Structures are given as C-alpha cells and as structure tokens.
C-alpha cells in the first residue's frame, strides 16, 4: 500500500508518513521477465515471474482452464477467475 501506482515506485510521502525507510523495502520490478537469480533454493536459477497471492492461489488450486474460478474469504474476500 506504499507504492505510487502512477510512478511505479515507492511513494516517498507515504513512507515518511508511516516512518518506513525506503532502504528496507524490496526493489519494485515487473511481474514478468527475469528479475534476479535465486540464492538459497536452486542457486543461480533466474526468477522469471512473480505472482500475487490471489493469482498464485488460482494456480495452486488448479484453476487452469478458461472459465474456472475460486473464491476465498480469509483476510479479505477475494475472487479470481481464469479468463
């Protein structure tokens, strides 16, 4: 919630408001393409994609075919659809 969506960077005003040092936050990268190599598990293997928790759960619960969906009601209600 600290990301500036227009600038695709950490929002310095919000970081200051909540007293969060920018240096402690991860680098913001695209969710596709190669971002960095794995270090502890499979060292050197490039991380080639990043999924948010709803998208990862859609994959993990095998909603792989077009039109399949899942609904969660944990921290916040969520609905994901494989369109």
N, C-alpha and C. Protein backbone atom coordinates (compact mmCIF):
# COMPACT_ATOMS: atom_id res chain seq x y z
N UNK A 1 0.81 -1.18 0.00
CA UNK A 1 0.00 0.00 0.00
C UNK A 1 0.86 1.26 0.00
N UNK A 2 2.14 1.09 -0.11
CA UNK A 2 3.06 2.23 -0.10
C UNK A 2 3.58 2.57 -1.49
N UNK A 3 3.05 1.89 -2.51
CA UNK A 3 3.54 2.10 -3.87
C UNK A 3 2.78 3.21 -4.56
N UNK A 4 3.50 4.05 -5.26
CA UNK A 4 2.91 5.08 -6.10
C UNK A 4 2.59 4.42 -7.44
N UNK A 5 1.31 4.20 -7.72
CA UNK A 5 0.91 3.46 -8.92
C UNK A 5 1.20 4.21 -10.21
N UNK A 6 1.20 5.51 -10.16
CA UNK A 6 1.50 6.30 -11.37
C UNK A 6 2.98 6.27 -11.68
N UNK A 7 3.81 6.35 -10.66
CA UNK A 7 5.26 6.38 -10.86
C UNK A 7 5.91 5.02 -10.82
N UNK A 8 5.14 3.98 -10.42
CA UNK A 8 5.66 2.62 -10.28
C UNK A 8 6.90 2.59 -9.39
N UNK A 9 6.80 3.29 -8.26
CA UNK A 9 7.90 3.37 -7.31
C UNK A 9 7.32 3.52 -5.91
N UNK A 10 8.16 3.44 -4.89
CA UNK A 10 7.69 3.66 -3.52
C UNK A 10 7.31 5.12 -3.36
N UNK A 11 6.18 5.38 -2.72
CA UNK A 11 5.69 6.75 -2.53
C UNK A 11 6.40 7.37 -1.33
N UNK A 12 7.30 8.30 -1.61
CA UNK A 12 8.12 8.89 -0.54
C UNK A 12 7.29 9.62 0.51
N UNK A 13 6.18 10.22 0.09
CA UNK A 13 5.32 10.92 1.05
C UNK A 13 4.72 9.92 2.05
N UNK A 14 4.22 8.79 1.55
CA UNK A 14 3.65 7.76 2.43
C UNK A 14 4.73 7.11 3.29
N UNK A 15 5.90 6.89 2.72
CA UNK A 15 6.99 6.31 3.51
C UNK A 15 7.32 7.22 4.69
N UNK A 16 7.34 8.53 4.44
CA UNK A 16 7.61 9.48 5.51
C UNK A 16 6.49 9.50 6.53
N UNK A 17 5.25 9.46 6.07
CA UNK A 17 4.10 9.49 6.96
C UNK A 17 4.11 8.31 7.93
N UNK A 18 4.48 7.12 7.40
CA UNK A 18 4.49 5.91 8.23
C UNK A 18 5.88 5.58 8.78
N UNK A 19 6.85 6.46 8.53
CA UNK A 19 8.21 6.29 9.02
C UNK A 19 8.82 4.95 8.59
N UNK A 20 8.70 4.67 7.28
CA UNK A 20 9.24 3.43 6.72
C UNK A 20 10.45 3.79 5.86
N UNK A 21 11.65 3.33 6.24
CA UNK A 21 12.83 3.62 5.42
C UNK A 21 12.75 2.90 4.07
N UNK A 22 12.94 3.64 3.00
CA UNK A 22 12.86 3.04 1.66
C UNK A 22 13.89 1.92 1.48
N UNK A 23 15.02 2.05 2.15
CA UNK A 23 16.09 1.05 2.02
C UNK A 23 15.67 -0.33 2.52
N UNK A 24 14.65 -0.41 3.37
CA UNK A 24 14.24 -1.72 3.89
C UNK A 24 13.22 -2.41 2.97
N UNK A 25 12.75 -1.71 1.95
CA UNK A 25 11.75 -2.27 1.04
C UNK A 25 12.42 -2.92 -0.16
N UNK A 26 11.78 -3.94 -0.73
CA UNK A 26 12.37 -4.58 -1.91
C UNK A 26 12.28 -3.68 -3.13
N UNK A 27 13.09 -3.99 -4.12
CA UNK A 27 13.05 -3.28 -5.39
C UNK A 27 11.74 -3.62 -6.09
N UNK A 28 11.06 -2.64 -6.65
CA UNK A 28 9.82 -2.89 -7.40
C UNK A 28 10.22 -3.30 -8.81
N UNK A 29 9.72 -4.45 -9.25
CA UNK A 29 10.05 -4.97 -10.58
C UNK A 29 8.78 -5.40 -11.29
N UNK A 30 8.88 -5.59 -12.57
CA UNK A 30 7.77 -6.10 -13.38
C UNK A 30 7.47 -7.54 -12.95
N UNK A 31 6.21 -7.95 -13.04
CA UNK A 31 5.87 -9.32 -12.66
C UNK A 31 6.25 -10.34 -13.74
N UNK A 32 6.71 -9.88 -14.88
CA UNK A 32 7.15 -10.78 -15.93
C UNK A 32 8.62 -10.54 -16.25
N UNK A 33 9.25 -11.49 -16.90
CA UNK A 33 10.66 -11.35 -17.25
C UNK A 33 11.58 -11.75 -16.11
N UNK A 34 12.88 -11.73 -16.36
CA UNK A 34 13.88 -12.11 -15.36
C UNK A 34 14.16 -10.93 -14.45
N UNK A 35 14.07 -11.17 -13.15
CA UNK A 35 14.29 -10.10 -12.20
C UNK A 35 15.58 -10.28 -11.41
N UNK A 36 15.84 -11.46 -10.89
CA UNK A 36 17.03 -11.71 -10.07
C UNK A 36 17.24 -13.21 -9.98
N UNK A 37 18.46 -13.66 -9.68
CA UNK A 37 18.70 -15.10 -9.53
C UNK A 37 18.34 -15.58 -8.13
N UNK A 38 17.85 -16.80 -8.03
CA UNK A 38 17.58 -17.42 -6.73
C UNK A 38 18.90 -17.58 -5.99
N UNK A 39 18.85 -17.53 -4.66
CA UNK A 39 20.07 -17.62 -3.88
C UNK A 39 20.11 -18.91 -3.05
N UNK A 40 19.12 -19.13 -2.18
CA UNK A 40 19.17 -20.27 -1.27
C UNK A 40 18.60 -21.55 -1.88
N UNK A 41 17.48 -21.47 -2.57
CA UNK A 41 16.87 -22.62 -3.21
C UNK A 41 17.17 -22.51 -4.70
N UNK A 42 17.75 -23.53 -5.28
CA UNK A 42 18.15 -23.54 -6.69
C UNK A 42 19.03 -22.33 -7.02
N UNK A 43 20.17 -22.18 -6.34
CA UNK A 43 21.04 -21.02 -6.55
C UNK A 43 21.35 -20.77 -8.02
N UNK A 44 21.23 -19.51 -8.42
CA UNK A 44 21.56 -19.11 -9.78
C UNK A 44 20.42 -19.22 -10.77
N UNK A 45 19.37 -19.95 -10.43
CA UNK A 45 18.23 -20.08 -11.35
C UNK A 45 17.47 -18.76 -11.36
N UNK A 46 17.24 -18.17 -12.53
CA UNK A 46 16.58 -16.87 -12.57
C UNK A 46 15.10 -16.95 -12.16
N UNK A 47 14.67 -15.99 -11.37
CA UNK A 47 13.26 -15.84 -11.03
C UNK A 47 12.63 -15.17 -12.26
N UNK A 48 11.69 -15.86 -12.89
CA UNK A 48 11.18 -15.37 -14.16
C UNK A 48 9.73 -14.93 -14.11
N UNK A 49 9.14 -14.88 -12.95
CA UNK A 49 7.76 -14.42 -12.83
C UNK A 49 7.39 -14.26 -11.37
N UNK A 50 6.52 -13.34 -11.09
CA UNK A 50 6.11 -13.06 -9.73
C UNK A 50 4.58 -13.06 -9.71
N UNK A 51 4.00 -13.79 -8.76
CA UNK A 51 2.54 -13.83 -8.64
C UNK A 51 2.11 -13.24 -7.31
N UNK A 52 1.03 -12.49 -7.33
CA UNK A 52 0.41 -12.04 -6.09
C UNK A 52 -0.34 -13.19 -5.46
N UNK A 53 -0.78 -13.03 -4.24
CA UNK A 53 -1.34 -14.16 -3.51
C UNK A 53 -2.61 -14.71 -4.15
N UNK A 54 -3.50 -13.87 -4.69
CA UNK A 54 -4.71 -14.37 -5.34
C UNK A 54 -4.37 -15.12 -6.63
N UNK A 55 -3.43 -14.59 -7.42
CA UNK A 55 -3.06 -15.24 -8.67
C UNK A 55 -2.35 -16.57 -8.40
N UNK A 56 -1.50 -16.59 -7.37
CA UNK A 56 -0.79 -17.83 -7.02
C UNK A 56 -1.79 -18.89 -6.54
N UNK A 57 -2.78 -18.47 -5.75
CA UNK A 57 -3.79 -19.41 -5.25
C UNK A 57 -4.62 -19.97 -6.40
N UNK A 58 -4.91 -19.15 -7.40
CA UNK A 58 -5.65 -19.62 -8.57
C UNK A 58 -4.89 -20.77 -9.23
N UNK A 59 -3.58 -20.60 -9.37
CA UNK A 59 -2.73 -21.65 -9.95
C UNK A 59 -2.63 -22.84 -9.01
N UNK A 60 -2.39 -22.58 -7.70
CA UNK A 60 -2.22 -23.65 -6.72
C UNK A 60 -3.46 -24.51 -6.53
N UNK A 61 -4.63 -23.93 -6.75
CA UNK A 61 -5.88 -24.69 -6.61
C UNK A 61 -6.35 -25.25 -7.95
N UNK A 62 -5.43 -25.32 -8.88
CA UNK A 62 -5.58 -25.91 -10.22
C UNK A 62 -6.75 -25.35 -11.03
N UNK A 63 -6.96 -24.05 -10.95
CA UNK A 63 -7.92 -23.39 -11.83
C UNK A 63 -7.15 -22.99 -13.08
N UNK A 64 -6.90 -23.96 -13.93
CA UNK A 64 -6.01 -23.75 -15.06
C UNK A 64 -6.75 -23.57 -16.38
N UNK A 65 -8.00 -23.98 -16.42
CA UNK A 65 -8.75 -23.90 -17.67
C UNK A 65 -9.60 -22.65 -17.72
N UNK A 66 -9.80 -22.14 -18.91
CA UNK A 66 -10.61 -20.94 -19.09
C UNK A 66 -11.98 -21.11 -18.44
N UNK A 67 -12.41 -20.11 -17.69
CA UNK A 67 -13.71 -20.12 -17.06
C UNK A 67 -13.73 -20.67 -15.64
N UNK A 68 -12.64 -21.30 -15.19
CA UNK A 68 -12.60 -21.79 -13.81
C UNK A 68 -12.35 -20.63 -12.86
N UNK A 69 -12.87 -20.74 -11.65
CA UNK A 69 -12.75 -19.65 -10.68
C UNK A 69 -12.59 -20.21 -9.28
N UNK A 70 -12.15 -19.34 -8.38
CA UNK A 70 -12.06 -19.69 -6.96
C UNK A 70 -12.44 -18.46 -6.15
N UNK A 71 -12.94 -18.72 -4.96
CA UNK A 71 -13.34 -17.63 -4.08
C UNK A 71 -12.75 -17.90 -2.70
N UNK A 72 -12.12 -16.90 -2.11
CA UNK A 72 -11.56 -17.05 -0.76
C UNK A 72 -12.18 -16.03 0.18
N UNK A 73 -12.24 -16.39 1.44
CA UNK A 73 -12.77 -15.47 2.45
C UNK A 73 -11.90 -15.57 3.69
N UNK A 74 -10.65 -15.15 3.54
CA UNK A 74 -9.73 -15.20 4.67
C UNK A 74 -9.49 -13.78 5.17
N UNK A 75 -8.31 -13.23 4.90
CA UNK A 75 -8.03 -11.84 5.35
C UNK A 75 -9.03 -10.87 4.77
N UNK A 76 -9.25 -10.99 3.49
CA UNK A 76 -10.25 -10.16 2.81
C UNK A 76 -10.90 -11.04 1.75
N UNK A 77 -12.15 -10.79 1.43
CA UNK A 77 -12.79 -11.61 0.40
C UNK A 77 -12.06 -11.44 -0.93
N UNK A 78 -11.95 -12.51 -1.67
CA UNK A 78 -11.29 -12.42 -2.96
C UNK A 78 -11.94 -13.37 -3.96
N UNK A 79 -11.90 -12.98 -5.21
CA UNK A 79 -12.43 -13.80 -6.29
C UNK A 79 -11.42 -13.73 -7.42
N UNK A 80 -11.03 -14.88 -7.93
CA UNK A 80 -10.10 -14.93 -9.07
C UNK A 80 -10.73 -15.81 -10.13
N UNK A 81 -10.56 -15.39 -11.38
CA UNK A 81 -11.16 -16.09 -12.50
C UNK A 81 -10.12 -16.29 -13.58
N UNK A 82 -10.08 -17.50 -14.11
CA UNK A 82 -9.15 -17.81 -15.19
C UNK A 82 -9.86 -17.55 -16.51
N UNK A 83 -9.69 -16.35 -17.02
CA UNK A 83 -10.40 -15.94 -18.24
C UNK A 83 -9.60 -16.21 -19.39
